[in-house]
């Protein structure tokens, strides 16, 4: 008997990108309400939404592979930096207003 693998797609193509876009919009609105500066809100929210959209899309499409522990630590470090970046920009922008 042949071993066949069936992958049933549960979400449509591009769903991760749409969720990433929604995360960008929501974070931009939150940052704009805090800082009252459009440039800070957009420049801080786009990296978060883009990276989260790519990650979610790969996860939804089943393109995950085993990665090495070193690479995993690098990715976790980059994601934690990307999540802290809007607050760092916000703190520095408030100090210079």
PDB file of N, CA and C in Angstrom:
ATOM      1  N   UNK A   1       0.842  -1.177   0.000  1.00  0.00           N
ATOM      2  CA  UNK A   1       0.000   0.000   0.000  1.00  0.00           C
ATOM      3  C   UNK A   1       0.888   1.241   0.000  1.00  0.00           C
ATOM      4  N   UNK A   2       0.544   2.154  -0.818  1.00  0.00           N
ATOM      5  CA  UNK A   2       1.346   3.358  -0.978  1.00  0.00           C
ATOM      6  C   UNK A   2       1.025   4.370   0.122  1.00  0.00           C
ATOM      7  N   UNK A   3       2.060   4.980   0.656  1.00  0.00           N
ATOM      8  CA  UNK A   3       1.885   5.982   1.709  1.00  0.00           C
ATOM      9  C   UNK A   3       1.686   7.341   1.048  1.00  0.00           C
ATOM     10  N   UNK A   4       0.486   7.822   1.068  1.00  0.00           N
ATOM     11  CA  UNK A   4       0.206   9.115   0.442  1.00  0.00           C
ATOM     12  C   UNK A   4      -0.141  10.133   1.517  1.00  0.00           C
ATOM     13  N   UNK A   5       0.336  11.322   1.302  1.00  0.00           N
ATOM     14  CA  UNK A   5       0.044  12.401   2.242  1.00  0.00           C
ATOM     15  C   UNK A   5      -0.919  13.376   1.590  1.00  0.00           C
ATOM     16  N   UNK A   6      -1.957  13.689   2.305  1.00  0.00           N
ATOM     17  CA  UNK A   6      -2.927  14.652   1.814  1.00  0.00           C
ATOM     18  C   UNK A   6      -2.877  15.873   2.710  1.00  0.00           C
ATOM     19  N   UNK A   7      -2.756  16.998   2.077  1.00  0.00           N
ATOM     20  CA  UNK A   7      -2.759  18.251   2.830  1.00  0.00           C
ATOM     21  C   UNK A   7      -3.997  19.022   2.432  1.00  0.00           C
ATOM     22  N   UNK A   8      -4.885  19.198   3.379  1.00  0.00           N
ATOM     23  CA  UNK A   8      -6.100  19.952   3.114  1.00  0.00           C
ATOM     24  C   UNK A   8      -5.905  21.362   3.647  1.00  0.00           C
ATOM     25  N   UNK A   9      -6.023  22.288   2.752  1.00  0.00           N
ATOM     26  CA  UNK A   9      -5.810  23.674   3.116  1.00  0.00           C
ATOM     27  C   UNK A   9      -7.027  24.194   3.872  1.00  0.00           C
ATOM     28  N   UNK A  10      -6.784  24.727   5.060  1.00  0.00           N
ATOM     29  CA  UNK A  10      -7.886  25.182   5.893  1.00  0.00           C
ATOM     30  C   UNK A  10      -8.207  26.650   5.680  1.00  0.00           C
ATOM     31  N   UNK A  11      -7.235  27.423   5.217  1.00  0.00           N
ATOM     32  CA  UNK A  11      -7.458  28.843   4.945  1.00  0.00           C
ATOM     33  C   UNK A  11      -7.019  29.136   3.515  1.00  0.00           C
ATOM     34  N   UNK A  12      -7.508  30.220   2.974  1.00  0.00           N
ATOM     35  CA  UNK A  12      -7.190  30.578   1.600  1.00  0.00           C
ATOM     36  C   UNK A  12      -5.791  31.192   1.508  1.00  0.00           C
ATOM     37  N   UNK A  13      -5.237  31.183   0.315  1.00  0.00           N
ATOM     38  CA  UNK A  13      -3.926  31.768   0.093  1.00  0.00           C
ATOM     39  C   UNK A  13      -3.983  33.274   0.349  1.00  0.00           C
ATOM     40  N   UNK A  14      -3.025  33.765   1.106  1.00  0.00           N
ATOM     41  CA  UNK A  14      -2.963  35.188   1.407  1.00  0.00           C
ATOM     42  C   UNK A  14      -3.614  35.572   2.717  1.00  0.00           C
ATOM     43  N   UNK A  15      -4.158  34.618   3.446  1.00  0.00           N
ATOM     44  CA  UNK A  15      -4.816  34.935   4.718  1.00  0.00           C
ATOM     45  C   UNK A  15      -3.813  35.464   5.733  1.00  0.00           C
ATOM     46  N   UNK A  16      -2.612  34.920   5.747  1.00  0.00           N
ATOM     47  CA  UNK A  16      -1.585  35.393   6.677  1.00  0.00           C
ATOM     48  C   UNK A  16      -1.180  36.826   6.384  1.00  0.00           C
ATOM     49  N   UNK A  17      -1.091  37.149   5.090  1.00  0.00           N
ATOM     50  CA  UNK A  17      -0.745  38.520   4.714  1.00  0.00           C
ATOM     51  C   UNK A  17      -1.848  39.500   5.123  1.00  0.00           C
ATOM     52  N   UNK A  18      -3.092  39.082   4.979  1.00  0.00           N
ATOM     53  CA  UNK A  18      -4.202  39.950   5.390  1.00  0.00           C
ATOM     54  C   UNK A  18      -4.220  40.155   6.902  1.00  0.00           C
ATOM     55  N   UNK A  19      -3.929  39.105   7.644  1.00  0.00           N
ATOM     56  CA  UNK A  19      -3.864  39.249   9.103  1.00  0.00           C
ATOM     57  C   UNK A  19      -2.695  40.145   9.491  1.00  0.00           C
ATOM     58  N   UNK A  20      -1.558  40.006   8.806  1.00  0.00           N
ATOM     59  CA  UNK A  20      -0.414  40.890   9.048  1.00  0.00           C
ATOM     60  C   UNK A  20      -0.750  42.343   8.741  1.00  0.00           C
ATOM     61  N   UNK A  21      -1.518  42.572   7.669  1.00  0.00           N
ATOM     62  CA  UNK A  21      -1.948  43.930   7.342  1.00  0.00           C
ATOM     63  C   UNK A  21      -2.865  44.475   8.426  1.00  0.00           C
ATOM     64  N   UNK A  22      -3.757  43.631   8.928  1.00  0.00           N
ATOM     65  CA  UNK A  22      -4.658  44.057   9.996  1.00  0.00           C
ATOM     66  C   UNK A  22      -3.873  44.393  11.268  1.00  0.00           C
ATOM     67  N   UNK A  23      -2.845  43.596  11.566  1.00  0.00           N
ATOM     68  CA  UNK A  23      -1.995  43.887  12.719  1.00  0.00           C
ATOM     69  C   UNK A  23      -1.292  45.221  12.534  1.00  0.00           C
ATOM     70  N   UNK A  24      -0.837  45.506  11.308  1.00  0.00           N
ATOM     71  CA  UNK A  24      -0.194  46.794  11.025  1.00  0.00           C
ATOM     72  C   UNK A  24      -1.148  47.963  11.245  1.00  0.00           C
ATOM     73  N   UNK A  25      -2.362  47.815  10.756  1.00  0.00           N
ATOM     74  CA  UNK A  25      -3.340  48.893  10.881  1.00  0.00           C
ATOM     75  C   UNK A  25      -3.692  49.151  12.342  1.00  0.00           C
ATOM     76  N   UNK A  26      -3.948  48.083  13.075  1.00  0.00           N
ATOM     77  CA  UNK A  26      -4.319  48.233  14.485  1.00  0.00           C
ATOM     78  C   UNK A  26      -3.173  48.841  15.288  1.00  0.00           C
ATOM     79  N   UNK A  27      -1.951  48.351  15.056  1.00  0.00           N
ATOM     80  CA  UNK A  27      -0.824  48.910  15.801  1.00  0.00           C
ATOM     81  C   UNK A  27      -0.545  50.352  15.400  1.00  0.00           C
ATOM     82  N   UNK A  28      -0.771  50.698  14.136  1.00  0.00           N
ATOM     83  CA  UNK A  28      -0.597  52.095  13.710  1.00  0.00           C
ATOM     84  C   UNK A  28      -1.624  53.002  14.385  1.00  0.00           C
ATOM     85  N   UNK A  29      -2.853  52.548  14.489  1.00  0.00           N
ATOM     86  CA  UNK A  29      -3.882  53.350  15.151  1.00  0.00           C
ATOM     87  C   UNK A  29      -3.558  53.541  16.630  1.00  0.00           C
ATOM     88  N   UNK A  30      -3.113  52.467  17.270  1.00  0.00           N
ATOM     89  CA  UNK A  30      -2.764  52.569  18.691  1.00  0.00           C
ATOM     90  C   UNK A  30      -1.588  53.518  18.892  1.00  0.00           C
ATOM     91  N   UNK A  31      -0.551  53.364  18.062  1.00  0.00           N
ATOM     92  CA  UNK A  31       0.615  54.238  18.201  1.00  0.00           C
ATOM     93  C   UNK A  31       0.290  55.684  17.849  1.00  0.00           C
ATOM     94  N   UNK A  32      -0.597  55.897  16.873  1.00  0.00           N
ATOM     95  CA  UNK A  32      -0.986  57.265  16.538  1.00  0.00           C
ATOM     96  C   UNK A  32      -1.779  57.900  17.677  1.00  0.00           C
ATOM     97  N   UNK A  33      -2.624  57.107  18.324  1.00  0.00           N
ATOM     98  CA  UNK A  33      -3.394  57.669  19.433  1.00  0.00           C
ATOM     99  C   UNK A  33      -2.498  58.024  20.620  1.00  0.00           C
ATOM    100  N   UNK A  34      -1.378  57.310  20.759  1.00  0.00           N
ATOM    101  CA  UNK A  34      -0.452  57.613  21.845  1.00  0.00           C
ATOM    102  C   UNK A  34       0.445  58.787  21.501  1.00  0.00           C
ATOM    103  N   UNK A  35       1.010  58.778  20.279  1.00  0.00           N
ATOM    104  CA  UNK A  35       2.035  59.774  19.937  1.00  0.00           C
ATOM    105  C   UNK A  35       1.521  60.978  19.165  1.00  0.00           C
ATOM    106  N   UNK A  36       0.379  60.883  18.517  1.00  0.00           N
ATOM    107  CA  UNK A  36      -0.173  61.945  17.665  1.00  0.00           C
ATOM    108  C   UNK A  36       0.778  62.308  16.523  1.00  0.00           C
ATOM    109  N   UNK A  37       1.560  61.320  16.067  1.00  0.00           N
ATOM    110  CA  UNK A  37       2.506  61.524  14.983  1.00  0.00           C
ATOM    111  C   UNK A  37       2.330  60.388  13.976  1.00  0.00           C
ATOM    112  N   UNK A  38       1.993  60.750  12.725  1.00  0.00           N
ATOM    113  CA  UNK A  38       1.718  59.751  11.698  1.00  0.00           C
ATOM    114  C   UNK A  38       2.980  58.998  11.300  1.00  0.00           C
ATOM    115  N   UNK A  39       4.091  59.706  11.198  1.00  0.00           N
ATOM    116  CA  UNK A  39       5.338  59.082  10.762  1.00  0.00           C
ATOM    117  C   UNK A  39       5.777  57.996  11.742  1.00  0.00           C
ATOM    118  N   UNK A  40       5.694  58.282  13.004  1.00  0.00           N
ATOM    119  CA  UNK A  40       6.067  57.298  14.020  1.00  0.00           C
ATOM    120  C   UNK A  40       5.136  56.099  13.965  1.00  0.00           C
ATOM    121  N   UNK A  41       3.862  56.350  13.820  1.00  0.00           N
ATOM    122  CA  UNK A  41       2.890  55.254  13.805  1.00  0.00           C
ATOM    123  C   UNK A  41       3.113  54.320  12.618  1.00  0.00           C
ATOM    124  N   UNK A  42       3.320  54.884  11.439  1.00  0.00           N
ATOM    125  CA  UNK A  42       3.493  54.054  10.251  1.00  0.00           C
ATOM    126  C   UNK A  42       4.836  53.345  10.262  1.00  0.00           C
ATOM    127  N   UNK A  43       5.908  54.082  10.580  1.00  0.00           N
ATOM    128  CA  UNK A  43       7.235  53.461  10.537  1.00  0.00           C
ATOM    129  C   UNK A  43       7.416  52.404  11.620  1.00  0.00           C
ATOM    130  N   UNK A  44       6.649  52.475  12.667  1.00  0.00           N
ATOM    131  CA  UNK A  44       6.757  51.476  13.722  1.00  0.00           C
ATOM    132  C   UNK A  44       5.860  50.269  13.485  1.00  0.00           C
ATOM    133  N   UNK A  45       4.741  50.462  12.839  1.00  0.00           N
ATOM    134  CA  UNK A  45       3.797  49.361  12.697  1.00  0.00           C
ATOM    135  C   UNK A  45       4.043  48.501  11.462  1.00  0.00           C
ATOM    136  N   UNK A  46       4.631  49.056  10.432  1.00  0.00           N
ATOM    137  CA  UNK A  46       4.844  48.280   9.202  1.00  0.00           C
ATOM    138  C   UNK A  46       5.783  47.087   9.404  1.00  0.00           C
ATOM    139  N   UNK A  47       6.920  47.232  10.087  1.00  0.00           N
ATOM    140  CA  UNK A  47       7.783  46.042  10.262  1.00  0.00           C
ATOM    141  C   UNK A  47       7.109  44.917  11.047  1.00  0.00           C
ATOM    142  N   UNK A  48       6.332  45.266  12.036  1.00  0.00           N
ATOM    143  CA  UNK A  48       5.663  44.239  12.830  1.00  0.00           C
ATOM    144  C   UNK A  48       4.629  43.499  11.980  1.00  0.00           C
ATOM    145  N   UNK A  49       3.803  44.233  11.275  1.00  0.00           N
ATOM    146  CA  UNK A  49       2.771  43.604  10.450  1.00  0.00           C
ATOM    147  C   UNK A  49       3.347  42.778   9.315  1.00  0.00           C
ATOM    148  N   UNK A  50       4.440  43.255   8.714  1.00  0.00           N
ATOM    149  CA  UNK A  50       5.052  42.522   7.611  1.00  0.00           C
ATOM    150  C   UNK A  50       5.638  41.204   8.080  1.00  0.00           C
ATOM    151  N   UNK A  51       6.404  41.246   9.166  1.00  0.00           N
ATOM    152  CA  UNK A  51       7.013  40.003   9.645  1.00  0.00           C
ATOM    153  C   UNK A  51       5.950  39.027  10.150  1.00  0.00           C
ATOM    154  N   UNK A  52       4.950  39.526  10.858  1.00  0.00           N
ATOM    155  CA  UNK A  52       3.904  38.636  11.338  1.00  0.00           C
ATOM    156  C   UNK A  52       3.096  38.056  10.169  1.00  0.00           C
ATOM    157  N   UNK A  53       2.861  38.851   9.128  1.00  0.00           N
ATOM    158  CA  UNK A  53       2.148  38.351   7.955  1.00  0.00           C
ATOM    159  C   UNK A  53       2.895  37.238   7.252  1.00  0.00           C
ATOM    160  N   UNK A  54       4.207  37.401   7.091  1.00  0.00           N
ATOM    161  CA  UNK A  54       5.009  36.363   6.447  1.00  0.00           C
ATOM    162  C   UNK A  54       5.028  35.096   7.287  1.00  0.00           C
ATOM    163  N   UNK A  55       5.213  35.263   8.597  1.00  0.00           N
ATOM    164  CA  UNK A  55       5.244  34.092   9.485  1.00  0.00           C
ATOM    165  C   UNK A  55       3.907  33.349   9.458  1.00  0.00           C
ATOM    166  N   UNK A  56       2.816  34.099   9.561  1.00  0.00           N
ATOM    167  CA  UNK A  56       1.502  33.457   9.557  1.00  0.00           C
ATOM    168  C   UNK A  56       1.194  32.786   8.229  1.00  0.00           C
ATOM    169  N   UNK A  57       1.567  33.427   7.132  1.00  0.00           N
ATOM    170  CA  UNK A  57       1.302  32.838   5.818  1.00  0.00           C
ATOM    171  C   UNK A  57       2.070  31.534   5.638  1.00  0.00           C
ATOM    172  N   UNK A  58       3.317  31.501   6.051  1.00  0.00           N
ATOM    173  CA  UNK A  58       4.084  30.258   5.947  1.00  0.00           C
ATOM    174  C   UNK A  58       3.487  29.173   6.843  1.00  0.00           C
ATOM    175  N   UNK A  59       3.030  29.567   8.007  1.00  0.00           N
ATOM    176  CA  UNK A  59       2.427  28.587   8.909  1.00  0.00           C
ATOM    177  C   UNK A  59       1.109  28.059   8.336  1.00  0.00           C
ATOM    178  N   UNK A  60       0.294  28.944   7.762  1.00  0.00           N
ATOM    179  CA  UNK A  60      -0.980  28.503   7.197  1.00  0.00           C
ATOM    180  C   UNK A  60      -0.785  27.605   5.985  1.00  0.00           C
ATOM    181  N   UNK A  61       0.232  27.869   5.194  1.00  0.00           N
ATOM    182  CA  UNK A  61       0.454  27.090   3.974  1.00  0.00           C
ATOM    183  C   UNK A  61       1.261  25.821   4.218  1.00  0.00           C
ATOM    184  N   UNK A  62       1.697  25.600   5.457  1.00  0.00           N
ATOM    185  CA  UNK A  62       2.389  24.367   5.792  1.00  0.00           C
ATOM    186  C   UNK A  62       3.803  24.289   5.269  1.00  0.00           C
ATOM    187  N   UNK A  63       4.469  25.413   5.117  1.00  0.00           N
ATOM    188  CA  UNK A  63       5.820  25.431   4.591  1.00  0.00           C
ATOM    189  C   UNK A  63       6.869  25.411   5.699  1.00  0.00           C
ATOM    190  N   UNK A  64       6.513  24.930   6.850  1.00  0.00           N
ATOM    191  CA  UNK A  64       7.455  24.913   7.959  1.00  0.00           C
ATOM    192  C   UNK A  64       8.427  23.760   7.806  1.00  0.00           C
ATOM    193  N   UNK A  65       9.652  24.013   8.181  1.00  0.00           N
ATOM    194  CA  UNK A  65      10.695  22.996   8.172  1.00  0.00           C
ATOM    195  C   UNK A  65      11.366  23.012   9.530  1.00  0.00           C
ATOM    196  N   UNK A  66      12.087  21.950   9.817  1.00  0.00           N
ATOM    197  CA  UNK A  66      12.881  21.918  11.040  1.00  0.00           C
ATOM    198  C   UNK A  66      14.040  22.882  10.867  1.00  0.00           C
ATOM    199  N   UNK A  67      14.241  23.723  11.865  1.00  0.00           N
ATOM    200  CA  UNK A  67      15.359  24.652  11.803  1.00  0.00           C
ATOM    201  C   UNK A  67      16.305  24.356  12.961  1.00  0.00           C
ATOM    202  N   UNK A  68      17.529  24.782  12.777  1.00  0.00           N
ATOM    203  CA  UNK A  68      18.533  24.524  13.788  1.00  0.00           C
ATOM    204  C   UNK A  68      18.279  25.392  15.021  1.00  0.00           C
ATOM    205  N   UNK A  69      18.764  24.978  16.180  1.00  0.00           N
ATOM    206  CA  UNK A  69      18.585  25.791  17.397  1.00  0.00           C
ATOM    207  C   UNK A  69      19.211  27.184  17.278  1.00  0.00           C
ATOM    208  N   UNK A  70      20.333  27.278  16.584  1.00  0.00           N
ATOM    209  CA  UNK A  70      20.985  28.579  16.400  1.00  0.00           C
ATOM    210  C   UNK A  70      20.094  29.522  15.594  1.00  0.00           C
ATOM    211  N   UNK A  71      19.535  29.004  14.525  1.00  0.00           N
ATOM    212  CA  UNK A  71      18.659  29.814  13.684  1.00  0.00           C
ATOM    213  C   UNK A  71      17.389  30.198  14.443  1.00  0.00           C
ATOM    214  N   UNK A  72      16.898  29.293  15.266  1.00  0.00           N
ATOM    215  CA  UNK A  72      15.717  29.580  16.069  1.00  0.00           C
ATOM    216  C   UNK A  72      15.983  30.717  17.048  1.00  0.00           C
ATOM    217  N   UNK A  73      17.155  30.711  17.680  1.00  0.00           N
ATOM    218  CA  UNK A  73      17.510  31.789  18.604  1.00  0.00           C
ATOM    219  C   UNK A  73      17.627  33.123  17.879  1.00  0.00           C
ATOM    220  N   UNK A  74      18.183  33.115  16.670  1.00  0.00           N
ATOM    221  CA  UNK A  74      18.307  34.345  15.887  1.00  0.00           C
ATOM    222  C   UNK A  74      16.924  34.884  15.533  1.00  0.00           C
ATOM    223  N   UNK A  75      16.020  34.008  15.094  1.00  0.00           N
ATOM    224  CA  UNK A  75      14.673  34.452  14.735  1.00  0.00           C
ATOM    225  C   UNK A  75      13.909  34.993  15.938  1.00  0.00           C
ATOM    226  N   UNK A  76      14.050  34.349  17.080  1.00  0.00           N
ATOM    227  CA  UNK A  76      13.379  34.833  18.289  1.00  0.00           C
ATOM    228  C   UNK A  76      13.929  36.197  18.684  1.00  0.00           C
ATOM    229  N   UNK A  77      15.244  36.379  18.581  1.00  0.00           N
ATOM    230  CA  UNK A  77      15.852  37.665  18.888  1.00  0.00           C
ATOM    231  C   UNK A  77      15.378  38.768  17.950  1.00  0.00           C
ATOM    232  N   UNK A  78      15.294  38.464  16.657  1.00  0.00           N
ATOM    233  CA  UNK A  78      14.824  39.457  15.694  1.00  0.00           C
ATOM    234  C   UNK A  78      13.360  39.824  15.921  1.00  0.00           C
ATOM    235  N   UNK A  79      12.537  38.831  16.213  1.00  0.00           N
ATOM    236  CA  UNK A  79      11.125  39.116  16.470  1.00  0.00           C
ATOM    237  C   UNK A  79      10.933  39.920  17.752  1.00  0.00           C
ATOM    238  N   UNK A  80      11.707  39.613  18.774  1.00  0.00           N
ATOM    239  CA  UNK A  80      11.574  40.389  20.012  1.00  0.00           C
ATOM    240  C   UNK A  80      12.053  41.822  19.798  1.00  0.00           C
ATOM    241  N   UNK A  81      13.095  42.011  18.984  1.00  0.00           N
ATOM    242  CA  UNK A  81      13.540  43.365  18.666  1.00  0.00           C
ATOM    243  C   UNK A  81      12.485  44.109  17.856  1.00  0.00           C
ATOM    244  N   UNK A  82      11.857  43.417  16.888  1.00  0.00           N
ATOM    245  CA  UNK A  82      10.823  44.058  16.075  1.00  0.00           C
ATOM    246  C   UNK A  82       9.611  44.436  16.912  1.00  0.00           C
ATOM    247  N   UNK A  83       9.308  43.667  17.942  1.00  0.00           N
ATOM    248  CA  UNK A  83       8.183  44.003  18.806  1.00  0.00           C
ATOM    249  C   UNK A  83       8.513  45.154  19.754  1.00  0.00           C
ATOM    250  N   UNK A  84       9.785  45.327  20.107  1.00  0.00           N
ATOM    251  CA  UNK A  84      10.177  46.421  21.003  1.00  0.00           C
ATOM    252  C   UNK A  84      10.472  47.708  20.253  1.00  0.00           C
ATOM    253  N   UNK A  85      10.728  47.627  18.964  1.00  0.00           N
ATOM    254  CA  UNK A  85      11.111  48.792  18.173  1.00  0.00           C
ATOM    255  C   UNK A  85      10.088  49.933  18.209  1.00  0.00           C
ATOM    256  N   UNK A  86       8.779  49.686  18.079  1.00  0.00           N
ATOM    257  CA  UNK A  86       7.838  50.810  18.130  1.00  0.00           C
ATOM    258  C   UNK A  86       7.897  51.570  19.450  1.00  0.00           C
ATOM    259  N   UNK A  87       8.081  50.862  20.531  1.00  0.00           N
ATOM    260  CA  UNK A  87       8.129  51.538  21.824  1.00  0.00           C
ATOM    261  C   UNK A  87       9.422  52.331  21.985  1.00  0.00           C
ATOM    262  N   UNK A  88      10.517  51.826  21.445  1.00  0.00           N
ATOM    263  CA  UNK A  88      11.779  52.565  21.474  1.00  0.00           C
ATOM    264  C   UNK A  88      11.652  53.851  20.667  1.00  0.00           C
ATOM    265  N   UNK A  89      11.072  53.753  19.474  1.00  0.00           N
ATOM    266  CA  UNK A  89      10.870  54.946  18.639  1.00  0.00           C
ATOM    267  C   UNK A  89       9.941  55.917  19.337  1.00  0.00           C
ATOM    268  N   UNK A  90       8.896  55.409  19.962  1.00  0.00           N
ATOM    269  CA  UNK A  90       7.941  56.264  20.659  1.00  0.00           C
ATOM    270  C   UNK A  90       8.596  56.985  21.828  1.00  0.00           C
ATOM    271  N   UNK A  91       9.414  56.300  22.598  1.00  0.00           N
ATOM    272  CA  UNK A  91      10.084  56.924  23.743  1.00  0.00           C
ATOM    273  C   UNK A  91      11.023  58.032  23.285  1.00  0.00           C
ATOM    274  N   UNK A  92      11.813  57.758  22.248  1.00  0.00           N
ATOM    275  CA  UNK A  92      12.746  58.770  21.758  1.00  0.00           C
ATOM    276  C   UNK A  92      12.010  59.945  21.124  1.00  0.00           C
ATOM    277  N   UNK A  93      10.883  59.695  20.472  1.00  0.00           N
ATOM    278  CA  UNK A  93      10.150  60.791  19.832  1.00  0.00           C
ATOM    279  C   UNK A  93       9.479  61.690  20.877  1.00  0.00           C
ATOM    280  N   UNK A  94       9.011  61.109  21.961  1.00  0.00           N
ATOM    281  CA  UNK A  94       8.372  61.907  23.009  1.00  0.00           C
ATOM    282  C   UNK A  94       9.409  62.789  23.710  1.00  0.00           C
ATOM    283  N   UNK A  95      10.623  62.280  23.847  1.00  0.00           N
ATOM    284  CA  UNK A  95      11.671  63.054  24.515  1.00  0.00           C
ATOM    285  C   UNK A  95      12.051  64.285  23.706  1.00  0.00           C
ATOM    286  N   UNK A  96      11.970  64.211  22.388  1.00  0.00           N
ATOM    287  CA  UNK A  96      12.414  65.319  21.551  1.00  0.00           C
ATOM    288  C   UNK A  96      11.277  66.211  21.070  1.00  0.00           C
ATOM    289  N   UNK A  97      10.075  66.021  21.553  1.00  0.00           N
ATOM    290  CA  UNK A  97       8.965  66.887  21.145  1.00  0.00           C
ATOM    291  C   UNK A  97       8.935  68.175  21.907  1.00  0.00           C
TER     292      UNK A  97
END
